[in-house]
Every structure is written in structure tokens, then in C-alpha cells.
Amino acid sequence: MAYLCKKDRRASLLEAAAHIARREGLAATTVRRVAQEAGVATGQVHHHFSSAAELRAQAYAQVMKTLKAQLLQKSLQLTARERLNLLLIDPQDEQSMMAIPLWHEAMLLTEQEPLMKTAFALSVSDWHALVSDAIEDGRSNGEFIAGEAPEHISWRLIGLSSSMDAMSRLDTLNLTVSCAEYNLKRAIQNELYPKETVNV
């Protein structure tokens, strides 16, 4: 085992935990599994993380931090509307697709683990900021109309996206992916584009 200073050892263990969380989920992110992945004794993991709950929360936060950086980089090549599609409707890339089940798992753990509740809230806050920034940029370049503060619109769109995602997993509702996508696109249209002229 190569010698690492305390800071680097903790970073190495956290990366191992994040790798497991991405590929196998939070339930698999145990002290024993992380130690095995990192090639160290379990005592090393206990030395750097106070509990398995802290390890899971930090692993989740690390995955979401990496995903945020990737989304920001990808956003540089997208229009504001394309960014909203990416953030709210169609995640497109493999990393985003992997993060979705992790997101659901973390949400369930917030009821039992205060540290996960904090980490999950941070990821929601980051999502909100990304959507708000896309709206602000769209207004600045003329893609979207001016109106209500972006942060309020962002919360409504995120709430709808999250709810549609959850409900689409209930097979008996027959809420198809295309139906959820249609309603999200309509919500974006209603919030950020001129109102359609309706003949009455």
C-alpha cells in the first residue's frame, strides 16, 4: 500500500466510495466494500469517516459534484432551451443516467440519515441553480421572455420534473415517458415563451 498523507488518503477513499455508488448504488457503499475497492484495511476507512452514513453521504455528494461539473462543461455548447431539456427532461449522457437511480436512493435515505438529508438538499440546490442560470441566460440572449424571477420558475419546473419522474415509475398510471416529456415541454413553453394566441 502506497503511503499517502491524511488528506490524500481520505480523497482516495472518497473516490473509491463514489465509484461504488455510481456503479452499484448507495446500499453497496459499505465500509468493507470501500476498503476492498481502495485496497486498505477497514480501520483506515473508519479512521477517515465517522460512520457508514457519513461515507454514503460523502460518496453521494462527490458523485453529484462531478456530475455538476460535467453538466456545466456540456452547457457551454448548448442553447438555453437545450440546457433546460438536458436538466429537466432528457439527461442524454451515461453519467446523468447513472445518477438518476442514485438520486432516488438518496432521497429515500433522507428519512433515516441526517447527513444524507444535508447532502441531498445540496444536490437539489445545485440543480435549482443550474436551471435558474439557464433561464437567466436565455433571457439575456433573447431566447426567453422577461417575467417572474428565474428562481421561482426554476422551482416549479424542478418540482414538475421530479414529480413526473416519480409518477412515471408507477406502471398502473400509464404515464409514459413521451407523456411526461410533453407536459414538461408545455410547462417550459408556458413559463418562458410568449403566450399562444387563442381564438375564442
N, C-alpha and C. Protein backbone atom coordinates (compact mmCIF):
# COMPACT_ATOMS: atom_id res chain seq x y z
N MET A 1 0.84 -1.19 0.00
CA MET A 1 0.00 0.00 0.00
C MET A 1 0.88 1.25 0.00
N ALA A 2 0.69 2.10 -0.96
CA ALA A 2 1.49 3.32 -1.07
C ALA A 2 1.13 4.28 0.06
N TYR A 3 2.15 4.99 0.54
CA TYR A 3 1.90 5.95 1.62
C TYR A 3 1.25 7.20 1.04
N LEU A 4 0.18 7.65 1.69
CA LEU A 4 -0.48 8.89 1.32
C LEU A 4 -0.68 9.72 2.57
N CYS A 5 -0.57 11.03 2.42
CA CYS A 5 -0.86 11.89 3.56
C CYS A 5 -2.35 11.78 3.90
N LYS A 6 -2.72 12.27 5.06
CA LYS A 6 -4.10 12.10 5.54
C LYS A 6 -5.12 12.63 4.55
N LYS A 7 -4.86 13.82 4.01
CA LYS A 7 -5.79 14.44 3.07
C LYS A 7 -5.93 13.60 1.80
N ASP A 8 -4.81 13.14 1.27
CA ASP A 8 -4.83 12.34 0.04
C ASP A 8 -5.45 10.97 0.28
N ARG A 9 -5.23 10.39 1.45
CA ARG A 9 -5.82 9.09 1.75
C ARG A 9 -7.33 9.21 1.80
N ARG A 10 -7.81 10.26 2.46
CA ARG A 10 -9.27 10.46 2.55
C ARG A 10 -9.86 10.67 1.15
N ALA A 11 -9.17 11.45 0.32
CA ALA A 11 -9.64 11.70 -1.04
C ALA A 11 -9.68 10.40 -1.85
N SER A 12 -8.67 9.55 -1.63
CA SER A 12 -8.62 8.26 -2.32
C SER A 12 -9.79 7.36 -1.90
N LEU A 13 -10.08 7.34 -0.61
CA LEU A 13 -11.19 6.55 -0.10
C LEU A 13 -12.54 7.09 -0.61
N LEU A 14 -12.64 8.40 -0.65
CA LEU A 14 -13.88 9.02 -1.13
C LEU A 14 -14.11 8.71 -2.60
N GLU A 15 -13.05 8.73 -3.38
CA GLU A 15 -13.18 8.40 -4.80
C GLU A 15 -13.59 6.94 -4.99
N ALA A 16 -13.04 6.07 -4.16
CA ALA A 16 -13.43 4.66 -4.21
C ALA A 16 -14.91 4.51 -3.86
N ALA A 17 -15.36 5.25 -2.84
CA ALA A 17 -16.77 5.20 -2.43
C ALA A 17 -17.68 5.75 -3.52
N ALA A 18 -17.26 6.83 -4.15
CA ALA A 18 -18.06 7.42 -5.23
C ALA A 18 -18.16 6.47 -6.42
N HIS A 19 -17.07 5.78 -6.71
CA HIS A 19 -17.06 4.83 -7.82
C HIS A 19 -18.07 3.70 -7.55
N ILE A 20 -18.09 3.20 -6.33
CA ILE A 20 -19.03 2.14 -5.98
C ILE A 20 -20.46 2.66 -6.04
N ALA A 21 -20.69 3.86 -5.50
CA ALA A 21 -22.03 4.44 -5.51
C ALA A 21 -22.55 4.61 -6.93
N ARG A 22 -21.69 5.09 -7.82
CA ARG A 22 -22.10 5.29 -9.22
C ARG A 22 -22.49 3.98 -9.88
N ARG A 23 -21.70 2.95 -9.65
CA ARG A 23 -21.88 1.67 -10.35
C ARG A 23 -22.85 0.71 -9.67
N GLU A 24 -22.86 0.73 -8.32
CA GLU A 24 -23.60 -0.30 -7.59
C GLU A 24 -24.67 0.26 -6.66
N GLY A 25 -24.68 1.56 -6.45
CA GLY A 25 -25.68 2.16 -5.57
C GLY A 25 -25.16 2.43 -4.17
N LEU A 26 -25.94 3.19 -3.42
CA LEU A 26 -25.53 3.58 -2.07
C LEU A 26 -25.56 2.42 -1.09
N ALA A 27 -26.50 1.49 -1.28
CA ALA A 27 -26.57 0.34 -0.37
C ALA A 27 -25.29 -0.48 -0.43
N ALA A 28 -24.63 -0.49 -1.58
CA ALA A 28 -23.38 -1.24 -1.74
C ALA A 28 -22.17 -0.47 -1.21
N THR A 29 -22.36 0.79 -0.89
CA THR A 29 -21.25 1.63 -0.45
C THR A 29 -21.04 1.46 1.05
N THR A 30 -20.51 0.31 1.42
CA THR A 30 -20.25 -0.02 2.82
C THR A 30 -18.78 0.20 3.14
N VAL A 31 -18.47 0.24 4.41
CA VAL A 31 -17.08 0.39 4.85
C VAL A 31 -16.22 -0.75 4.29
N ARG A 32 -16.71 -1.96 4.41
CA ARG A 32 -15.96 -3.12 3.95
C ARG A 32 -15.73 -3.07 2.43
N ARG A 33 -16.78 -2.69 1.69
CA ARG A 33 -16.68 -2.65 0.22
C ARG A 33 -15.72 -1.55 -0.23
N VAL A 34 -15.76 -0.41 0.44
CA VAL A 34 -14.86 0.70 0.09
C VAL A 34 -13.42 0.33 0.40
N ALA A 35 -13.21 -0.29 1.55
CA ALA A 35 -11.86 -0.73 1.91
C ALA A 35 -11.31 -1.70 0.86
N GLN A 36 -12.15 -2.61 0.43
CA GLN A 36 -11.76 -3.58 -0.60
C GLN A 36 -11.41 -2.87 -1.90
N GLU A 37 -12.25 -1.92 -2.30
CA GLU A 37 -12.03 -1.18 -3.55
C GLU A 37 -10.73 -0.38 -3.50
N ALA A 38 -10.45 0.20 -2.33
CA ALA A 38 -9.26 1.05 -2.18
C ALA A 38 -8.01 0.26 -1.82
N GLY A 39 -8.18 -1.02 -1.47
CA GLY A 39 -7.03 -1.84 -1.12
C GLY A 39 -6.44 -1.50 0.23
N VAL A 40 -7.32 -1.18 1.20
CA VAL A 40 -6.84 -0.83 2.54
C VAL A 40 -7.64 -1.63 3.57
N ALA A 41 -7.20 -1.58 4.82
CA ALA A 41 -7.94 -2.22 5.91
C ALA A 41 -9.17 -1.39 6.25
N THR A 42 -10.21 -2.05 6.76
CA THR A 42 -11.43 -1.32 7.12
C THR A 42 -11.15 -0.24 8.16
N GLY A 43 -10.15 -0.47 9.00
CA GLY A 43 -9.80 0.53 10.00
C GLY A 43 -9.41 1.87 9.40
N GLN A 44 -8.81 1.82 8.21
CA GLN A 44 -8.44 3.06 7.52
C GLN A 44 -9.69 3.87 7.15
N VAL A 45 -10.73 3.17 6.71
CA VAL A 45 -11.98 3.85 6.35
C VAL A 45 -12.61 4.45 7.60
N HIS A 46 -12.67 3.67 8.68
CA HIS A 46 -13.23 4.17 9.95
C HIS A 46 -12.44 5.37 10.48
N HIS A 47 -11.15 5.39 10.20
CA HIS A 47 -10.30 6.49 10.66
C HIS A 47 -10.67 7.81 9.99
N HIS A 48 -11.09 7.74 8.73
CA HIS A 48 -11.37 8.96 7.96
C HIS A 48 -12.85 9.33 7.90
N PHE A 49 -13.72 8.36 8.19
CA PHE A 49 -15.17 8.63 8.17
C PHE A 49 -15.78 8.12 9.46
N SER A 50 -16.56 8.96 10.11
CA SER A 50 -17.07 8.64 11.45
C SER A 50 -18.09 7.51 11.44
N SER A 51 -18.73 7.27 10.31
CA SER A 51 -19.75 6.23 10.24
C SER A 51 -20.00 5.85 8.79
N ALA A 52 -20.72 4.73 8.60
CA ALA A 52 -21.10 4.32 7.25
C ALA A 52 -22.04 5.35 6.64
N ALA A 53 -22.86 5.99 7.48
CA ALA A 53 -23.79 7.02 6.99
C ALA A 53 -23.02 8.21 6.42
N GLU A 54 -21.94 8.61 7.10
CA GLU A 54 -21.13 9.71 6.58
C GLU A 54 -20.47 9.32 5.27
N LEU A 55 -20.01 8.10 5.19
CA LEU A 55 -19.36 7.60 3.97
C LEU A 55 -20.33 7.66 2.80
N ARG A 56 -21.56 7.19 3.01
CA ARG A 56 -22.57 7.21 1.95
C ARG A 56 -22.91 8.63 1.53
N ALA A 57 -23.09 9.50 2.51
CA ALA A 57 -23.46 10.88 2.21
C ALA A 57 -22.36 11.59 1.43
N GLN A 58 -21.11 11.37 1.84
CA GLN A 58 -19.99 11.99 1.15
C GLN A 58 -19.80 11.42 -0.25
N ALA A 59 -20.04 10.11 -0.39
CA ALA A 59 -19.95 9.49 -1.72
C ALA A 59 -20.99 10.06 -2.66
N TYR A 60 -22.22 10.20 -2.16
CA TYR A 60 -23.30 10.78 -2.96
C TYR A 60 -22.94 12.21 -3.37
N ALA A 61 -22.48 13.00 -2.41
CA ALA A 61 -22.11 14.39 -2.69
C ALA A 61 -21.01 14.47 -3.74
N GLN A 62 -20.05 13.55 -3.67
CA GLN A 62 -18.94 13.54 -4.62
C GLN A 62 -19.44 13.22 -6.03
N VAL A 63 -20.33 12.25 -6.14
CA VAL A 63 -20.88 11.90 -7.46
C VAL A 63 -21.62 13.10 -8.05
N MET A 64 -22.42 13.75 -7.24
CA MET A 64 -23.21 14.88 -7.73
C MET A 64 -22.32 16.10 -8.05
N LYS A 65 -21.26 16.27 -7.30
CA LYS A 65 -20.31 17.35 -7.59
C LYS A 65 -19.66 17.13 -8.95
N THR A 66 -19.28 15.90 -9.23
CA THR A 66 -18.68 15.56 -10.52
C THR A 66 -19.68 15.76 -11.65
N LEU A 67 -20.91 15.32 -11.42
CA LEU A 67 -21.95 15.48 -12.43
C LEU A 67 -22.22 16.94 -12.72
N LYS A 68 -22.25 17.77 -11.69
CA LYS A 68 -22.48 19.20 -11.88
C LYS A 68 -21.40 19.81 -12.77
N ALA A 69 -20.14 19.44 -12.52
CA ALA A 69 -19.03 19.96 -13.33
C ALA A 69 -19.17 19.52 -14.79
N GLN A 70 -19.60 18.28 -14.99
CA GLN A 70 -19.79 17.78 -16.35
C GLN A 70 -20.93 18.50 -17.06
N LEU A 71 -22.01 18.76 -16.34
CA LEU A 71 -23.14 19.48 -16.93
C LEU A 71 -22.77 20.91 -17.28
N LEU A 72 -22.00 21.55 -16.41
CA LEU A 72 -21.55 22.92 -16.71
C LEU A 72 -20.68 22.95 -17.96
N GLN A 73 -19.81 21.97 -18.10
CA GLN A 73 -18.93 21.91 -19.27
C GLN A 73 -19.76 21.68 -20.53
N LYS A 74 -20.70 20.76 -20.45
CA LYS A 74 -21.54 20.46 -21.61
C LYS A 74 -22.41 21.64 -21.99
N SER A 75 -22.84 22.41 -21.00
CA SER A 75 -23.72 23.54 -21.24
C SER A 75 -23.09 24.63 -22.10
N LEU A 76 -21.78 24.66 -22.14
CA LEU A 76 -21.09 25.69 -22.92
C LEU A 76 -21.42 25.60 -24.41
N GLN A 77 -21.79 24.41 -24.87
CA GLN A 77 -22.10 24.22 -26.29
C GLN A 77 -23.60 24.21 -26.58
N LEU A 78 -24.43 24.49 -25.56
CA LEU A 78 -25.88 24.38 -25.74
C LEU A 78 -26.58 25.73 -25.64
N THR A 79 -27.73 25.83 -26.31
CA THR A 79 -28.58 27.00 -26.12
C THR A 79 -29.26 26.88 -24.75
N ALA A 80 -29.88 27.95 -24.32
CA ALA A 80 -30.56 27.91 -23.02
C ALA A 80 -31.68 26.87 -23.01
N ARG A 81 -32.43 26.78 -24.11
CA ARG A 81 -33.52 25.79 -24.16
C ARG A 81 -32.95 24.37 -24.15
N GLU A 82 -31.87 24.14 -24.84
CA GLU A 82 -31.23 22.83 -24.83
C GLU A 82 -30.73 22.47 -23.43
N ARG A 83 -30.25 23.48 -22.70
CA ARG A 83 -29.81 23.24 -21.33
C ARG A 83 -30.98 22.82 -20.44
N LEU A 84 -32.15 23.46 -20.62
CA LEU A 84 -33.32 23.08 -19.85
C LEU A 84 -33.76 21.66 -20.19
N ASN A 85 -33.69 21.30 -21.46
CA ASN A 85 -34.04 19.94 -21.86
C ASN A 85 -33.11 18.93 -21.17
N LEU A 86 -31.83 19.27 -21.14
CA LEU A 86 -30.84 18.40 -20.52
C LEU A 86 -31.08 18.27 -19.02
N LEU A 87 -31.39 19.38 -18.37
CA LEU A 87 -31.52 19.40 -16.91
C LEU A 87 -32.88 18.89 -16.41
N LEU A 88 -33.90 18.99 -17.25
CA LEU A 88 -35.26 18.69 -16.77
C LEU A 88 -35.95 17.52 -17.47
N ILE A 89 -35.55 17.23 -18.70
CA ILE A 89 -36.31 16.27 -19.50
C ILE A 89 -35.49 15.07 -19.94
N ASP A 90 -34.39 15.31 -20.62
CA ASP A 90 -33.63 14.22 -21.24
C ASP A 90 -32.17 14.30 -20.83
N PRO A 91 -31.74 13.47 -19.84
CA PRO A 91 -30.36 13.56 -19.36
C PRO A 91 -29.30 13.18 -20.37
N GLN A 92 -29.61 12.37 -21.36
CA GLN A 92 -28.78 12.07 -22.53
C GLN A 92 -27.53 11.23 -22.25
N ASP A 93 -26.62 11.72 -21.43
CA ASP A 93 -25.32 11.04 -21.30
C ASP A 93 -25.34 9.97 -20.22
N GLU A 94 -24.35 9.08 -20.28
CA GLU A 94 -24.28 7.93 -19.37
C GLU A 94 -24.16 8.35 -17.91
N GLN A 95 -23.35 9.39 -17.64
CA GLN A 95 -23.15 9.82 -16.25
C GLN A 95 -24.45 10.31 -15.63
N SER A 96 -25.22 11.07 -16.40
CA SER A 96 -26.50 11.56 -15.90
C SER A 96 -27.47 10.42 -15.67
N MET A 97 -27.48 9.46 -16.59
CA MET A 97 -28.38 8.31 -16.45
C MET A 97 -28.04 7.50 -15.19
N MET A 98 -26.75 7.37 -14.90
CA MET A 98 -26.32 6.65 -13.70
C MET A 98 -26.75 7.39 -12.43
N ALA A 99 -26.80 8.70 -12.51
CA ALA A 99 -27.10 9.50 -11.32
C ALA A 99 -28.58 9.42 -10.93
N ILE A 100 -29.46 9.10 -11.87
CA ILE A 100 -30.89 9.09 -11.59
C ILE A 100 -31.27 8.07 -10.52
N PRO A 101 -30.90 6.78 -10.66
CA PRO A 101 -31.23 5.84 -9.58
C PRO A 101 -30.54 6.18 -8.26
N LEU A 102 -29.35 6.77 -8.34
CA LEU A 102 -28.65 7.19 -7.12
C LEU A 102 -29.44 8.30 -6.42
N TRP A 103 -29.98 9.21 -7.20
CA TRP A 103 -30.81 10.30 -6.70
C TRP A 103 -32.02 9.74 -5.94
N HIS A 104 -32.69 8.75 -6.55
CA HIS A 104 -33.86 8.15 -5.90
C HIS A 104 -33.48 7.46 -4.59
N GLU A 105 -32.36 6.75 -4.62
CA GLU A 105 -31.92 6.05 -3.42
C GLU A 105 -31.57 7.03 -2.31
N ALA A 106 -30.90 8.11 -2.68
CA ALA A 106 -30.52 9.13 -1.69
C ALA A 106 -31.77 9.78 -1.09
N MET A 107 -32.77 10.02 -1.93
CA MET A 107 -34.00 10.65 -1.44
C MET A 107 -34.65 9.79 -0.36
N LEU A 108 -34.68 8.49 -0.56
CA LEU A 108 -35.25 7.58 0.44
C LEU A 108 -34.44 7.60 1.73
N LEU A 109 -33.12 7.69 1.61
CA LEU A 109 -32.26 7.68 2.79
C LEU A 109 -32.36 8.95 3.62
N THR A 110 -32.87 10.03 3.02
CA THR A 110 -33.00 11.28 3.78
C THR A 110 -33.93 11.13 4.97
N GLU A 111 -34.84 10.15 4.90
CA GLU A 111 -35.77 9.92 6.02
C GLU A 111 -35.08 9.27 7.21
N GLN A 112 -33.93 8.64 6.97
CA GLN A 112 -33.26 7.88 8.03
C GLN A 112 -31.92 8.48 8.44
N GLU A 113 -31.28 9.19 7.52
CA GLU A 113 -29.91 9.64 7.76
C GLU A 113 -29.79 11.15 7.59
N PRO A 114 -29.61 11.89 8.69
CA PRO A 114 -29.49 13.35 8.61
C PRO A 114 -28.37 13.83 7.68
N LEU A 115 -27.25 13.10 7.65
CA LEU A 115 -26.15 13.52 6.79
C LEU A 115 -26.53 13.40 5.32
N MET A 116 -27.29 12.36 4.98
CA MET A 116 -27.74 12.22 3.60
C MET A 116 -28.76 13.31 3.27
N LYS A 117 -29.57 13.67 4.24
CA LYS A 117 -30.55 14.75 4.03
C LYS A 117 -29.85 16.04 3.65
N THR A 118 -28.74 16.32 4.32
CA THR A 118 -27.96 17.53 4.01
C THR A 118 -27.34 17.44 2.63
N ALA A 119 -26.75 16.28 2.30
CA ALA A 119 -26.11 16.10 1.00
C ALA A 119 -27.14 16.16 -0.12
N PHE A 120 -28.29 15.57 0.09
CA PHE A 120 -29.34 15.57 -0.92
C PHE A 120 -29.86 16.99 -1.15
N ALA A 121 -30.06 17.73 -0.07
CA ALA A 121 -30.52 19.12 -0.19
C ALA A 121 -29.54 19.96 -1.00
N LEU A 122 -28.26 19.72 -0.81
CA LEU A 122 -27.24 20.44 -1.57
C LEU A 122 -27.35 20.12 -3.06
N SER A 123 -27.59 18.85 -3.39
CA SER A 123 -27.71 18.47 -4.80
C SER A 123 -28.95 19.11 -5.43
N VAL A 124 -30.03 19.23 -4.67
CA VAL A 124 -31.23 19.89 -5.18
C VAL A 124 -30.96 21.37 -5.38
N SER A 125 -30.25 21.97 -4.45
CA SER A 125 -29.89 23.39 -4.56
C SER A 125 -29.03 23.63 -5.80
N ASP A 126 -28.11 22.73 -6.07
CA ASP A 126 -27.27 22.86 -7.27
C ASP A 126 -28.11 22.72 -8.54
N TRP A 127 -29.04 21.79 -8.54
CA TRP A 127 -29.95 21.61 -9.68
C TRP A 127 -30.75 22.89 -9.91
N HIS A 128 -31.27 23.44 -8.83
CA HIS A 128 -32.04 24.68 -8.92
C HIS A 128 -31.20 25.82 -9.50
N ALA A 129 -29.96 25.91 -9.06
CA ALA A 129 -29.07 26.97 -9.56
C ALA A 129 -28.78 26.80 -11.05
N LEU A 130 -28.57 25.57 -11.50
CA LEU A 130 -28.30 25.32 -12.91
C LEU A 130 -29.50 25.70 -13.78
N VAL A 131 -30.69 25.34 -13.33
CA VAL A 131 -31.90 25.68 -14.09
C VAL A 131 -32.12 27.20 -14.08
N SER A 132 -31.94 27.83 -12.93
CA SER A 132 -32.11 29.28 -12.83
C SER A 132 -31.13 30.02 -13.74
N ASP A 133 -29.89 29.55 -13.77
CA ASP A 133 -28.88 30.18 -14.63
C ASP A 133 -29.24 30.03 -16.11
N ALA A 134 -29.77 28.87 -16.49
CA ALA A 134 -30.17 28.66 -17.88
C ALA A 134 -31.30 29.62 -18.26
N ILE A 135 -32.23 29.82 -17.35
CA ILE A 135 -33.34 30.75 -17.60
C ILE A 135 -32.81 32.18 -17.74
N GLU A 136 -31.92 32.57 -16.82
CA GLU A 136 -31.34 33.91 -16.86
C GLU A 136 -30.57 34.14 -18.15
N ASP A 137 -29.77 33.15 -18.56
CA ASP A 137 -29.01 33.28 -19.80
C ASP A 137 -29.93 33.34 -21.01
N GLY A 138 -31.01 32.55 -20.98
CA GLY A 138 -31.96 32.58 -22.08
C GLY A 138 -32.64 33.92 -22.23
N ARG A 139 -32.89 34.56 -21.13
CA ARG A 139 -33.47 35.91 -21.18
C ARG A 139 -32.45 36.93 -21.69
N SER A 140 -31.22 36.77 -21.27
CA SER A 140 -30.17 37.72 -21.67
C SER A 140 -29.94 37.70 -23.17
N ASN A 141 -30.05 36.51 -23.79
CA ASN A 141 -29.80 36.44 -25.23
C ASN A 141 -31.07 36.44 -26.07
N GLY A 142 -32.22 36.67 -25.43
CA GLY A 142 -33.46 36.82 -26.17
C GLY A 142 -34.21 35.53 -26.47
N GLU A 143 -33.73 34.40 -25.97
CA GLU A 143 -34.44 33.13 -26.19
C GLU A 143 -35.76 33.10 -25.42
N PHE A 144 -35.75 33.64 -24.20
CA PHE A 144 -36.93 33.60 -23.34
C PHE A 144 -37.44 35.01 -23.08
N ILE A 145 -38.71 35.11 -22.79
CA ILE A 145 -39.28 36.42 -22.46
C ILE A 145 -38.94 36.78 -21.02
N ALA A 146 -38.96 38.09 -20.75
CA ALA A 146 -38.75 38.56 -19.38
C ALA A 146 -40.00 38.25 -18.57
N GLY A 147 -39.85 38.19 -17.27
CA GLY A 147 -41.01 37.90 -16.43
C GLY A 147 -40.60 37.67 -14.99
N GLU A 148 -41.26 36.72 -14.38
CA GLU A 148 -41.03 36.42 -12.97
C GLU A 148 -39.57 36.01 -12.72
N ALA A 149 -39.13 36.17 -11.49
CA ALA A 149 -37.75 35.84 -11.12
C ALA A 149 -37.43 34.39 -11.49
N PRO A 150 -36.25 34.15 -12.11
CA PRO A 150 -35.87 32.80 -12.53
C PRO A 150 -35.94 31.76 -11.43
N GLU A 151 -35.59 32.16 -10.19
CA GLU A 151 -35.57 31.16 -9.12
C GLU A 151 -36.95 30.58 -8.84
N HIS A 152 -38.01 31.37 -9.02
CA HIS A 152 -39.37 30.86 -8.80
C HIS A 152 -39.78 29.90 -9.92
N ILE A 153 -39.50 30.30 -11.15
CA ILE A 153 -39.80 29.43 -12.29
C ILE A 153 -39.02 28.14 -12.18
N SER A 154 -37.77 28.24 -11.77
CA SER A 154 -36.91 27.07 -11.63
C SER A 154 -37.51 26.06 -10.66
N TRP A 155 -38.02 26.55 -9.52
CA TRP A 155 -38.61 25.64 -8.53
C TRP A 155 -39.83 24.91 -9.11
N ARG A 156 -40.64 25.64 -9.87
CA ARG A 156 -41.83 25.00 -10.45
C ARG A 156 -41.44 23.93 -11.46
N LEU A 157 -40.47 24.24 -12.31
CA LEU A 157 -40.05 23.28 -13.33
C LEU A 157 -39.38 22.05 -12.70
N ILE A 158 -38.57 22.28 -11.69
CA ILE A 158 -37.91 21.17 -10.99
C ILE A 158 -38.95 20.30 -10.29
N GLY A 159 -39.92 20.96 -9.64
CA GLY A 159 -40.97 20.21 -8.97
C GLY A 159 -41.74 19.33 -9.94
N LEU A 160 -42.06 19.87 -11.10
CA LEU A 160 -42.80 19.09 -12.10
C LEU A 160 -41.93 17.96 -12.65
N SER A 161 -40.68 18.25 -12.94
CA SER A 161 -39.77 17.24 -13.47
C SER A 161 -39.60 16.09 -12.49
N SER A 162 -39.39 16.42 -11.23
CA SER A 162 -39.20 15.40 -10.20
C SER A 162 -40.46 14.57 -10.00
N SER A 163 -41.61 15.23 -9.97
CA SER A 163 -42.88 14.52 -9.78
C SER A 163 -43.20 13.62 -10.97
N MET A 164 -42.99 14.13 -12.18
CA MET A 164 -43.26 13.33 -13.37
C MET A 164 -42.36 12.10 -13.39
N ASP A 165 -41.12 12.28 -13.01
CA ASP A 165 -40.18 11.15 -12.99
C ASP A 165 -40.66 10.09 -12.01
N ALA A 166 -41.09 10.53 -10.82
CA ALA A 166 -41.55 9.58 -9.81
C ALA A 166 -42.82 8.87 -10.25
N MET A 167 -43.77 9.61 -10.80
CA MET A 167 -45.04 9.01 -11.19
C MET A 167 -44.91 8.09 -12.40
N SER A 168 -43.95 8.40 -13.28
CA SER A 168 -43.78 7.57 -14.48
C SER A 168 -43.28 6.17 -14.12
N ARG A 169 -42.80 6.00 -12.89
CA ARG A 169 -42.33 4.69 -12.44
C ARG A 169 -43.45 3.81 -11.90
N LEU A 170 -44.65 4.39 -11.80
CA LEU A 170 -45.82 3.63 -11.35
C LEU A 170 -46.55 3.11 -12.59
N ASP A 171 -46.32 1.87 -12.93
CA ASP A 171 -46.82 1.31 -14.18
C ASP A 171 -48.33 1.44 -14.35
N THR A 172 -49.07 1.33 -13.26
CA THR A 172 -50.52 1.34 -13.37
C THR A 172 -51.09 2.70 -13.79
N LEU A 173 -50.28 3.75 -13.68
CA LEU A 173 -50.74 5.08 -14.10
C LEU A 173 -50.69 5.27 -15.61
N ASN A 174 -49.92 4.42 -16.28
CA ASN A 174 -49.73 4.55 -17.73
C ASN A 174 -49.22 5.93 -18.15
N LEU A 175 -48.39 6.51 -17.27
CA LEU A 175 -47.76 7.78 -17.59
C LEU A 175 -46.47 7.47 -18.35
N THR A 176 -46.54 7.55 -19.66
CA THR A 176 -45.40 7.18 -20.49
C THR A 176 -44.33 8.25 -20.45
N VAL A 177 -43.15 7.88 -20.88
CA VAL A 177 -42.04 8.84 -20.96
C VAL A 177 -42.40 9.98 -21.91
N SER A 178 -43.03 9.64 -23.02
CA SER A 178 -43.40 10.67 -24.01
C SER A 178 -44.45 11.62 -23.44
N CYS A 179 -45.36 11.08 -22.61
CA CYS A 179 -46.38 11.93 -21.98
C CYS A 179 -45.73 12.89 -20.98
N ALA A 180 -44.81 12.37 -20.17
CA ALA A 180 -44.10 13.21 -19.20
C ALA A 180 -43.30 14.29 -19.93
N GLU A 181 -42.65 13.90 -21.01
CA GLU A 181 -41.85 14.85 -21.79
C GLU A 181 -42.73 15.94 -22.38
N TYR A 182 -43.89 15.55 -22.89
CA TYR A 182 -44.83 16.53 -23.47
C TYR A 182 -45.23 17.57 -22.43
N ASN A 183 -45.58 17.12 -21.24
CA ASN A 183 -46.04 18.05 -20.21
C ASN A 183 -44.92 18.96 -19.71
N LEU A 184 -43.71 18.43 -19.63
CA LEU A 184 -42.58 19.28 -19.23
C LEU A 184 -42.28 20.33 -20.29
N LYS A 185 -42.35 19.94 -21.54
CA LYS A 185 -42.11 20.92 -22.62
C LYS A 185 -43.19 21.99 -22.64
N ARG A 186 -44.44 21.57 -22.36
CA ARG A 186 -45.52 22.55 -22.29
C ARG A 186 -45.30 23.53 -21.14
N ALA A 187 -44.80 23.02 -20.02
CA ALA A 187 -44.54 23.88 -18.86
C ALA A 187 -43.47 24.91 -19.19
N ILE A 188 -42.40 24.46 -19.86
CA ILE A 188 -41.34 25.39 -20.27
C ILE A 188 -41.90 26.43 -21.23
N GLN A 189 -42.71 25.98 -22.18
CA GLN A 189 -43.33 26.90 -23.15
C GLN A 189 -44.18 27.95 -22.43
N ASN A 190 -44.99 27.49 -21.48
CA ASN A 190 -45.88 28.41 -20.77
C ASN A 190 -45.13 29.40 -19.90
N GLU A 191 -44.02 28.97 -19.35
CA GLU A 191 -43.28 29.82 -18.43
C GLU A 191 -42.37 30.84 -19.13
N LEU A 192 -41.83 30.47 -20.28
CA LEU A 192 -40.70 31.24 -20.82
C LEU A 192 -40.88 31.76 -22.24
N TYR A 193 -42.00 31.47 -22.86
CA TYR A 193 -42.24 31.94 -24.21
C TYR A 193 -43.52 32.76 -24.25
N PRO A 194 -43.69 33.60 -25.28
CA PRO A 194 -44.93 34.40 -25.39
C PRO A 194 -46.15 33.48 -25.40
N LYS A 195 -47.22 33.94 -24.77
CA LYS A 195 -48.43 33.14 -24.72
C LYS A 195 -49.00 32.96 -26.12
N GLU A 196 -49.46 31.76 -26.39
CA GLU A 196 -50.05 31.48 -27.69
C GLU A 196 -51.37 32.23 -27.81
N THR A 197 -51.62 32.73 -28.99
CA THR A 197 -52.89 33.39 -29.25
C THR A 197 -53.99 32.34 -29.37
N VAL A 198 -55.01 32.47 -28.59
CA VAL A 198 -56.10 31.51 -28.61
C VAL A 198 -57.34 32.19 -29.18
N ASN A 199 -57.91 31.62 -30.21
CA ASN A 199 -59.14 32.16 -30.79
C ASN A 199 -60.34 31.63 -30.03
N VAL A 200 -61.16 32.53 -29.54
CA VAL A 200 -62.35 32.11 -28.78
C VAL A 200 -63.61 32.59 -29.47
